[in-house]
PDB file of N, CA and C in Angstrom:
ATOM      1  N   MET A   1      -4.425 -24.755  41.603  1.00  0.00           N
ATOM      2  CA  MET A   1      -5.618 -24.245  42.251  1.00  0.00           C
ATOM      3  C   MET A   1      -6.581 -23.722  41.197  1.00  0.00           C
ATOM      4  N   THR A   2      -7.816 -24.151  41.258  1.00  0.00           N
ATOM      5  CA  THR A   2      -8.822 -23.604  40.363  1.00  0.00           C
ATOM      6  C   THR A   2      -9.520 -22.463  41.078  1.00  0.00           C
ATOM      7  N   PHE A   3      -9.921 -21.489  40.314  1.00  0.00           N
ATOM      8  CA  PHE A   3     -10.608 -20.349  40.909  1.00  0.00           C
ATOM      9  C   PHE A   3     -11.855 -20.054  40.098  1.00  0.00           C
ATOM     10  N   ASP A   4     -12.773 -19.364  40.691  1.00  0.00           N
ATOM     11  CA  ASP A   4     -14.019 -18.987  40.033  1.00  0.00           C
ATOM     12  C   ASP A   4     -13.965 -17.492  39.748  1.00  0.00           C
ATOM     13  N   PRO A   5     -13.767 -17.075  38.473  1.00  0.00           N
ATOM     14  CA  PRO A   5     -13.660 -15.650  38.182  1.00  0.00           C
ATOM     15  C   PRO A   5     -14.954 -14.889  38.443  1.00  0.00           C
ATOM     16  N   PHE A   6     -16.059 -15.608  38.663  1.00  0.00           N
ATOM     17  CA  PHE A   6     -17.310 -14.937  38.974  1.00  0.00           C
ATOM     18  C   PHE A   6     -17.653 -15.060  40.454  1.00  0.00           C
ATOM     19  N   GLY A   7     -16.704 -15.566  41.218  1.00  0.00           N
ATOM     20  CA  GLY A   7     -16.931 -15.754  42.646  1.00  0.00           C
ATOM     21  C   GLY A   7     -16.114 -14.774  43.458  1.00  0.00           C
ATOM     22  N   ASN A   8     -15.645 -15.227  44.616  1.00  0.00           N
ATOM     23  CA  ASN A   8     -14.918 -14.362  45.538  1.00  0.00           C
ATOM     24  C   ASN A   8     -13.448 -14.709  45.632  1.00  0.00           C
ATOM     25  N   ASP A   9     -12.934 -15.502  44.715  1.00  0.00           N
ATOM     26  CA  ASP A   9     -11.536 -15.920  44.768  1.00  0.00           C
ATOM     27  C   ASP A   9     -10.603 -14.809  44.304  1.00  0.00           C
ATOM     28  N   SER A  10      -9.347 -14.956  44.690  1.00  0.00           N
ATOM     29  CA  SER A  10      -8.284 -14.086  44.187  1.00  0.00           C
ATOM     30  C   SER A  10      -7.464 -14.884  43.192  1.00  0.00           C
ATOM     31  N   GLU A  11      -6.850 -14.165  42.265  1.00  0.00           N
ATOM     32  CA  GLU A  11      -6.028 -14.811  41.248  1.00  0.00           C
ATOM     33  C   GLU A  11      -4.739 -14.015  41.104  1.00  0.00           C
ATOM     34  N   ILE A  12      -3.654 -14.721  40.901  1.00  0.00           N
ATOM     35  CA  ILE A  12      -2.393 -14.065  40.573  1.00  0.00           C
ATOM     36  C   ILE A  12      -2.384 -13.882  39.054  1.00  0.00           C
ATOM     37  N   VAL A  13      -2.449 -12.626  38.619  1.00  0.00           N
ATOM     38  CA  VAL A  13      -2.491 -12.299  37.195  1.00  0.00           C
ATOM     39  C   VAL A  13      -1.092 -11.894  36.770  1.00  0.00           C
ATOM     40  N   GLU A  14      -0.592 -12.541  35.735  1.00  0.00           N
ATOM     41  CA  GLU A  14       0.750 -12.246  35.233  1.00  0.00           C
ATOM     42  C   GLU A  14       0.622 -11.770  33.791  1.00  0.00           C
ATOM     43  N   LYS A  15       1.084 -10.541  33.519  1.00  0.00           N
ATOM     44  CA  LYS A  15       0.974  -9.945  32.187  1.00  0.00           C
ATOM     45  C   LYS A  15       2.319  -9.387  31.758  1.00  0.00           C
ATOM     46  N   ASN A  16       2.496  -9.266  30.455  1.00  0.00           N
ATOM     47  CA  ASN A  16       3.697  -8.664  29.887  1.00  0.00           C
ATOM     48  C   ASN A  16       3.357  -7.218  29.527  1.00  0.00           C
ATOM     49  N   ILE A  17       3.917  -6.271  30.278  1.00  0.00           N
ATOM     50  CA  ILE A  17       3.609  -4.856  30.088  1.00  0.00           C
ATOM     51  C   ILE A  17       4.903  -4.099  29.856  1.00  0.00           C
ATOM     52  N   ASN A  18       4.967  -3.395  28.733  1.00  0.00           N
ATOM     53  CA  ASN A  18       6.168  -2.642  28.346  1.00  0.00           C
ATOM     54  C   ASN A  18       7.415  -3.515  28.383  1.00  0.00           C
ATOM     55  N   GLY A  19       7.270  -4.754  27.947  1.00  0.00           N
ATOM     56  CA  GLY A  19       8.403  -5.668  27.881  1.00  0.00           C
ATOM     57  C   GLY A  19       8.780  -6.315  29.201  1.00  0.00           C
ATOM     58  N   ARG A  20       8.081  -5.989  30.288  1.00  0.00           N
ATOM     59  CA  ARG A  20       8.367  -6.586  31.596  1.00  0.00           C
ATOM     60  C   ARG A  20       7.201  -7.464  32.014  1.00  0.00           C
ATOM     61  N   THR A  21       7.507  -8.477  32.791  1.00  0.00           N
ATOM     62  CA  THR A  21       6.455  -9.320  33.348  1.00  0.00           C
ATOM     63  C   THR A  21       5.989  -8.707  34.656  1.00  0.00           C
ATOM     64  N   VAL A  22       4.687  -8.457  34.749  1.00  0.00           N
ATOM     65  CA  VAL A  22       4.092  -7.840  35.934  1.00  0.00           C
ATOM     66  C   VAL A  22       3.149  -8.857  36.565  1.00  0.00           C
ATOM     67  N   THR A  23       3.251  -9.015  37.872  1.00  0.00           N
ATOM     68  CA  THR A  23       2.393  -9.936  38.609  1.00  0.00           C
ATOM     69  C   THR A  23       1.548  -9.136  39.587  1.00  0.00           C
ATOM     70  N   VAL A  24       0.232  -9.365  39.539  1.00  0.00           N
ATOM     71  CA  VAL A  24      -0.699  -8.643  40.407  1.00  0.00           C
ATOM     72  C   VAL A  24      -1.661  -9.658  41.006  1.00  0.00           C
ATOM     73  N   LYS A  25      -1.930  -9.520  42.302  1.00  0.00           N
ATOM     74  CA  LYS A  25      -2.961 -10.350  42.921  1.00  0.00           C
ATOM     75  C   LYS A  25      -4.293  -9.636  42.691  1.00  0.00           C
ATOM     76  N   TRP A  26      -5.174 -10.282  41.949  1.00  0.00           N
ATOM     77  CA  TRP A  26      -6.445  -9.670  41.580  1.00  0.00           C
ATOM     78  C   TRP A  26      -7.569 -10.344  42.349  1.00  0.00           C
ATOM     79  N   ASP A  27      -8.309  -9.550  43.104  1.00  0.00           N
ATOM     80  CA  ASP A  27      -9.411 -10.055  43.921  1.00  0.00           C
ATOM     81  C   ASP A  27     -10.719  -9.889  43.143  1.00  0.00           C
ATOM     82  N   TRP A  28     -11.179 -10.989  42.567  1.00  0.00           N
ATOM     83  CA  TRP A  28     -12.364 -10.941  41.724  1.00  0.00           C
ATOM     84  C   TRP A  28     -13.624 -10.586  42.509  1.00  0.00           C
ATOM     85  N   GLY A  29     -13.653 -10.876  43.760  1.00  0.00           N
ATOM     86  CA  GLY A  29     -14.854 -10.629  44.551  1.00  0.00           C
ATOM     87  C   GLY A  29     -15.008  -9.197  45.016  1.00  0.00           C
ATOM     88  N   LYS A  30     -13.902  -8.435  45.079  1.00  0.00           N
ATOM     89  CA  LYS A  30     -13.970  -7.102  45.680  1.00  0.00           C
ATOM     90  C   LYS A  30     -13.667  -5.949  44.733  1.00  0.00           C
ATOM     91  N   PHE A  31     -13.239  -6.227  43.504  1.00  0.00           N
ATOM     92  CA  PHE A  31     -12.868  -5.102  42.651  1.00  0.00           C
ATOM     93  C   PHE A  31     -14.113  -4.326  42.209  1.00  0.00           C
ATOM     94  N   LYS A  32     -13.966  -3.011  42.113  1.00  0.00           N
ATOM     95  CA  LYS A  32     -15.071  -2.138  41.699  1.00  0.00           C
ATOM     96  C   LYS A  32     -14.866  -1.600  40.289  1.00  0.00           C
ATOM     97  N   SER A  33     -13.613  -1.545  39.841  1.00  0.00           N
ATOM     98  CA  SER A  33     -13.328  -1.115  38.469  1.00  0.00           C
ATOM     99  C   SER A  33     -12.070  -1.837  37.998  1.00  0.00           C
ATOM    100  N   THR A  34     -11.786  -1.732  36.736  1.00  0.00           N
ATOM    101  CA  THR A  34     -10.606  -2.382  36.166  1.00  0.00           C
ATOM    102  C   THR A  34      -9.464  -1.392  35.984  1.00  0.00           C
ATOM    103  N   ASP A  35      -9.489  -0.280  36.723  1.00  0.00           N
ATOM    104  CA  ASP A  35      -8.464   0.762  36.581  1.00  0.00           C
ATOM    105  C   ASP A  35      -7.047   0.222  36.724  1.00  0.00           C
ATOM    106  N   HIS A  36      -6.795  -0.627  37.687  1.00  0.00           N
ATOM    107  CA  HIS A  36      -5.429  -1.088  37.947  1.00  0.00           C
ATOM    108  C   HIS A  36      -5.180  -2.506  37.432  1.00  0.00           C
ATOM    109  N   PHE A  37      -6.098  -3.018  36.618  1.00  0.00           N
ATOM    110  CA  PHE A  37      -5.898  -4.342  36.038  1.00  0.00           C
ATOM    111  C   PHE A  37      -4.819  -4.233  34.967  1.00  0.00           C
ATOM    112  N   PRO A  38      -3.790  -5.084  35.031  1.00  0.00           N
ATOM    113  CA  PRO A  38      -2.700  -4.978  34.058  1.00  0.00           C
ATOM    114  C   PRO A  38      -3.151  -5.404  32.659  1.00  0.00           C
ATOM    115  N   VAL A  39      -2.938  -4.518  31.681  1.00  0.00           N
ATOM    116  CA  VAL A  39      -3.310  -4.793  30.292  1.00  0.00           C
ATOM    117  C   VAL A  39      -2.069  -5.245  29.546  1.00  0.00           C
ATOM    118  N   ASP A  40      -2.128  -6.440  29.014  1.00  0.00           N
ATOM    119  CA  ASP A  40      -1.001  -7.041  28.306  1.00  0.00           C
ATOM    120  C   ASP A  40      -0.684  -6.258  27.029  1.00  0.00           C
ATOM    121  N   ASP A  41       0.605  -6.181  26.686  1.00  0.00           N
ATOM    122  CA  ASP A  41       1.031  -5.510  25.455  1.00  0.00           C
ATOM    123  C   ASP A  41       0.336  -6.093  24.232  1.00  0.00           C
ATOM    124  N   ASN A  42       0.103  -7.388  24.234  1.00  0.00           N
ATOM    125  CA  ASN A  42      -0.543  -8.023  23.086  1.00  0.00           C
ATOM    126  C   ASN A  42      -1.963  -7.517  22.878  1.00  0.00           C
ATOM    127  N   LEU A  43      -2.653  -7.145  23.952  1.00  0.00           N
ATOM    128  CA  LEU A  43      -4.003  -6.613  23.813  1.00  0.00           C
ATOM    129  C   LEU A  43      -3.964  -5.277  23.089  1.00  0.00           C
ATOM    130  N   ILE A  44      -3.019  -4.428  23.453  1.00  0.00           N
ATOM    131  CA  ILE A  44      -2.890  -3.136  22.784  1.00  0.00           C
ATOM    132  C   ILE A  44      -2.613  -3.354  21.300  1.00  0.00           C
ATOM    133  N   ASN A  45      -1.715  -4.270  20.964  1.00  0.00           N
ATOM    134  CA  ASN A  45      -1.421  -4.570  19.561  1.00  0.00           C
ATOM    135  C   ASN A  45      -2.652  -5.107  18.847  1.00  0.00           C
ATOM    136  N   TRP A  46      -3.437  -5.922  19.539  1.00  0.00           N
ATOM    137  CA  TRP A  46      -4.650  -6.465  18.943  1.00  0.00           C
ATOM    138  C   TRP A  46      -5.650  -5.354  18.652  1.00  0.00           C
ATOM    139  N   VAL A  47      -5.825  -4.431  19.607  1.00  0.00           N
ATOM    140  CA  VAL A  47      -6.765  -3.321  19.412  1.00  0.00           C
ATOM    141  C   VAL A  47      -6.327  -2.463  18.236  1.00  0.00           C
ATOM    142  N   ILE A  48      -5.034  -2.147  18.159  1.00  0.00           N
ATOM    143  CA  ILE A  48      -4.515  -1.361  17.044  1.00  0.00           C
ATOM    144  C   ILE A  48      -4.730  -2.125  15.742  1.00  0.00           C
ATOM    145  N   GLY A  49      -4.529  -3.422  15.760  1.00  0.00           N
ATOM    146  CA  GLY A  49      -4.759  -4.243  14.572  1.00  0.00           C
ATOM    147  C   GLY A  49      -6.212  -4.229  14.131  1.00  0.00           C
ATOM    148  N   GLN A  50      -7.134  -4.187  15.092  1.00  0.00           N
ATOM    149  CA  GLN A  50      -8.553  -4.122  14.749  1.00  0.00           C
ATOM    150  C   GLN A  50      -8.875  -2.807  14.052  1.00  0.00           C
ATOM    151  N   GLU A  51      -8.272  -1.724  14.501  1.00  0.00           N
ATOM    152  CA  GLU A  51      -8.478  -0.416  13.863  1.00  0.00           C
ATOM    153  C   GLU A  51      -7.988  -0.459  12.419  1.00  0.00           C
ATOM    154  N   GLN A  52      -6.829  -1.056  12.208  1.00  0.00           N
ATOM    155  CA  GLN A  52      -6.284  -1.164  10.855  1.00  0.00           C
ATOM    156  C   GLN A  52      -7.190  -2.040   9.986  1.00  0.00           C
ATOM    157  N   ALA A  53      -7.678  -3.138  10.534  1.00  0.00           N
ATOM    158  CA  ALA A  53      -8.569  -4.024   9.775  1.00  0.00           C
ATOM    159  C   ALA A  53      -9.854  -3.300   9.391  1.00  0.00           C
ATOM    160  N   LEU A  54     -10.408  -2.513  10.309  1.00  0.00           N
ATOM    161  CA  LEU A  54     -11.611  -1.740  10.000  1.00  0.00           C
ATOM    162  C   LEU A  54     -11.348  -0.734   8.891  1.00  0.00           C
ATOM    163  N   ASN A  55     -10.214  -0.036   8.972  1.00  0.00           N
ATOM    164  CA  ASN A  55      -9.879   0.939   7.930  1.00  0.00           C
ATOM    165  C   ASN A  55      -9.747   0.268   6.572  1.00  0.00           C
ATOM    166  N   GLU A  56      -9.142  -0.913   6.529  1.00  0.00           N
ATOM    167  CA  GLU A  56      -9.006  -1.638   5.266  1.00  0.00           C
ATOM    168  C   GLU A  56     -10.365  -2.088   4.742  1.00  0.00           C
ATOM    169  N   CYS A  57     -11.267  -2.494   5.639  1.00  0.00           N
ATOM    170  CA  CYS A  57     -12.618  -2.879   5.211  1.00  0.00           C
ATOM    171  C   CYS A  57     -13.360  -1.687   4.620  1.00  0.00           C
ATOM    172  N   PHE A  58     -13.245  -0.524   5.270  1.00  0.00           N
ATOM    173  CA  PHE A  58     -13.903   0.671   4.741  1.00  0.00           C
ATOM    174  C   PHE A  58     -13.321   1.064   3.392  1.00  0.00           C
ATOM    175  N   LEU A  59     -12.012   0.902   3.225  1.00  0.00           N
ATOM    176  CA  LEU A  59     -11.385   1.185   1.938  1.00  0.00           C
ATOM    177  C   LEU A  59     -11.935   0.243   0.869  1.00  0.00           C
ATOM    178  N   CYS A  60     -12.076  -1.039   1.197  1.00  0.00           N
ATOM    179  CA  CYS A  60     -12.642  -1.997   0.241  1.00  0.00           C
ATOM    180  C   CYS A  60     -14.079  -1.629  -0.108  1.00  0.00           C
ATOM    181  N   LEU A  61     -14.855  -1.206   0.884  1.00  0.00           N
ATOM    182  CA  LEU A  61     -16.231  -0.790   0.616  1.00  0.00           C
ATOM    183  C   LEU A  61     -16.263   0.428  -0.301  1.00  0.00           C
ATOM    184  N   ASP A  62     -15.384   1.393  -0.057  1.00  0.00           N
ATOM    185  CA  ASP A  62     -15.312   2.575  -0.918  1.00  0.00           C
ATOM    186  C   ASP A  62     -14.979   2.182  -2.350  1.00  0.00           C
ATOM    187  N   GLU A  63     -14.028   1.274  -2.520  1.00  0.00           N
ATOM    188  CA  GLU A  63     -13.660   0.813  -3.862  1.00  0.00           C
ATOM    189  C   GLU A  63     -14.827   0.094  -4.526  1.00  0.00           C
ATOM    190  N   TRP A  64     -15.540  -0.712  -3.776  1.00  0.00           N
ATOM    191  CA  TRP A  64     -16.682  -1.452  -4.305  1.00  0.00           C
ATOM    192  C   TRP A  64     -17.777  -0.493  -4.766  1.00  0.00           C
ATOM    193  N   VAL A  65     -18.083   0.518  -3.955  1.00  0.00           N
ATOM    194  CA  VAL A  65     -19.095   1.510  -4.327  1.00  0.00           C
ATOM    195  C   VAL A  65     -18.647   2.274  -5.567  1.00  0.00           C
ATOM    196  N   HIS A  66     -17.378   2.630  -5.634  1.00  0.00           N
ATOM    197  CA  HIS A  66     -16.845   3.330  -6.805  1.00  0.00           C
ATOM    198  C   HIS A  66     -17.029   2.477  -8.063  1.00  0.00           C
ATOM    199  N   LYS A  67     -16.728   1.188  -7.978  1.00  0.00           N
ATOM    200  CA  LYS A  67     -16.887   0.292  -9.131  1.00  0.00           C
ATOM    201  C   LYS A  67     -18.354   0.140  -9.513  1.00  0.00           C
ATOM    202  N   LEU A  68     -19.231   0.004  -8.521  1.00  0.00           N
ATOM    203  CA  LEU A  68     -20.660  -0.107  -8.824  1.00  0.00           C
ATOM    204  C   LEU A  68     -21.175   1.155  -9.503  1.00  0.00           C
ATOM    205  N   ASN A  69     -20.739   2.313  -9.023  1.00  0.00           N
ATOM    206  CA  ASN A  69     -21.146   3.569  -9.654  1.00  0.00           C
ATOM    207  C   ASN A  69     -20.665   3.636 -11.095  1.00  0.00           C
ATOM    208  N   TRP A  70     -19.442   3.189 -11.344  1.00  0.00           N
ATOM    209  CA  TRP A  70     -18.910   3.188 -12.708  1.00  0.00           C
ATOM    210  C   TRP A  70     -19.714   2.248 -13.598  1.00  0.00           C
ATOM    211  N   LEU A  71     -20.028   1.049 -13.079  1.00  0.00           N
ATOM    212  CA  LEU A  71     -20.815   0.093 -13.856  1.00  0.00           C
ATOM    213  C   LEU A  71     -22.198   0.648 -14.173  1.00  0.00           C
ATOM    214  N   GLU A  72     -22.788   1.319 -13.229  1.00  0.00           N
ATOM    215  CA  GLU A  72     -24.106   1.922 -13.448  1.00  0.00           C
ATOM    216  C   GLU A  72     -24.012   3.055 -14.474  1.00  0.00           C
ATOM    217  N   LYS A  73     -22.988   3.867 -14.361  1.00  0.00           N
ATOM    218  CA  LYS A  73     -22.805   4.999 -15.284  1.00  0.00           C
ATOM    219  C   LYS A  73     -22.579   4.519 -16.718  1.00  0.00           C
ATOM    220  N   THR A  74     -21.820   3.451 -16.903  1.00  0.00           N
ATOM    221  CA  THR A  74     -21.528   2.947 -18.247  1.00  0.00           C
ATOM    222  C   THR A  74     -22.626   2.024 -18.775  1.00  0.00           C
ATOM    223  N   LYS A  75     -23.581   1.691 -17.933  1.00  0.00           N
ATOM    224  CA  LYS A  75     -24.694   0.803 -18.294  1.00  0.00           C
ATOM    225  C   LYS A  75     -24.182  -0.475 -18.974  1.00  0.00           C
ATOM    226  N   TRP A  76     -23.190  -1.081 -18.376  1.00  0.00           N
ATOM    227  CA  TRP A  76     -22.561  -2.284 -18.922  1.00  0.00           C
ATOM    228  C   TRP A  76     -23.546  -3.426 -19.125  1.00  0.00           C
ATOM    229  N   TYR A  77     -24.609  -3.431 -18.359  1.00  0.00           N
ATOM    230  CA  TYR A  77     -25.570  -4.526 -18.377  1.00  0.00           C
ATOM    231  C   TYR A  77     -26.460  -4.516 -19.618  1.00  0.00           C
ATOM    232  N   GLU A  78     -26.525  -3.396 -20.342  1.00  0.00           N
ATOM    233  CA  GLU A  78     -27.408  -3.338 -21.509  1.00  0.00           C
ATOM    234  C   GLU A  78     -26.983  -4.320 -22.598  1.00  0.00           C
ATOM    235  N   ASP A  79     -25.681  -4.526 -22.765  1.00  0.00           N
ATOM    236  CA  ASP A  79     -25.218  -5.488 -23.772  1.00  0.00           C
ATOM    237  C   ASP A  79     -25.621  -6.918 -23.426  1.00  0.00           C
ATOM    238  N   TRP A  80     -25.886  -7.178 -22.178  1.00  0.00           N
ATOM    239  CA  TRP A  80     -26.215  -8.527 -21.723  1.00  0.00           C
ATOM    240  C   TRP A  80     -27.717  -8.693 -21.454  1.00  0.00           C
ATOM    241  N   SER A  81     -28.508  -7.706 -21.811  1.00  0.00           N
ATOM    242  CA  SER A  81     -29.935  -7.735 -21.473  1.00  0.00           C
ATOM    243  C   SER A  81     -30.729  -8.759 -22.285  1.00  0.00           C
ATOM    244  N   SER A  82     -30.202  -9.164 -23.424  1.00  0.00           N
ATOM    245  CA  SER A  82     -30.916 -10.134 -24.251  1.00  0.00           C
ATOM    246  C   SER A  82     -29.942 -11.215 -24.717  1.00  0.00           C
ATOM    247  N   PRO A  83     -30.378 -12.477 -24.715  1.00  0.00           N
ATOM    248  CA  PRO A  83     -29.488 -13.546 -25.181  1.00  0.00           C
ATOM    249  C   PRO A  83     -29.164 -13.439 -26.674  1.00  0.00           C
ATOM    250  N   GLU A  84     -30.035 -12.763 -27.437  1.00  0.00           N
ATOM    251  CA  GLU A  84     -29.824 -12.658 -28.880  1.00  0.00           C
ATOM    252  C   GLU A  84     -28.829 -11.567 -29.262  1.00  0.00           C
ATOM    253  N   LYS A  85     -28.653 -10.587 -28.415  1.00  0.00           N
ATOM    254  CA  LYS A  85     -27.749  -9.479 -28.751  1.00  0.00           C
ATOM    255  C   LYS A  85     -26.301  -9.957 -28.753  1.00  0.00           C
ATOM    256  N   PRO A  86     -25.480  -9.407 -29.649  1.00  0.00           N
ATOM    257  CA  PRO A  86     -24.051  -9.759 -29.617  1.00  0.00           C
ATOM    258  C   PRO A  86     -23.391  -9.237 -28.345  1.00  0.00           C
ATOM    259  N   LYS A  87     -22.481  -9.993 -27.864  1.00  0.00           N
ATOM    260  CA  LYS A  87     -21.788  -9.630 -26.614  1.00  0.00           C
ATOM    261  C   LYS A  87     -20.463  -8.951 -26.941  1.00  0.00           C
ATOM    262  N   PRO A  88     -20.042  -8.058 -26.087  1.00  0.00           N
ATOM    263  CA  PRO A  88     -18.762  -7.364 -26.341  1.00  0.00           C
ATOM    264  C   PRO A  88     -17.563  -8.293 -26.205  1.00  0.00           C
TER     265      PRO A  88
END
């Protein structure tokens, strides 16, 4: 059976919650909130994984800024400012 999730059909939703399979008849046409919609364990793991990925990105940005500040402080670019100057 095909259903229209933007229409008035009902769907049998089957999710894995706390290690158990939960089946809920979900009425797409009449629901007012997603309070009782079953959230799969994998979604929770995905959300937690996104938080970890964001933290790692911020750590990489912090390291990058630290390196740029060091390069600016040491003025590493002055040795490379002219093709005639000897290079380190």
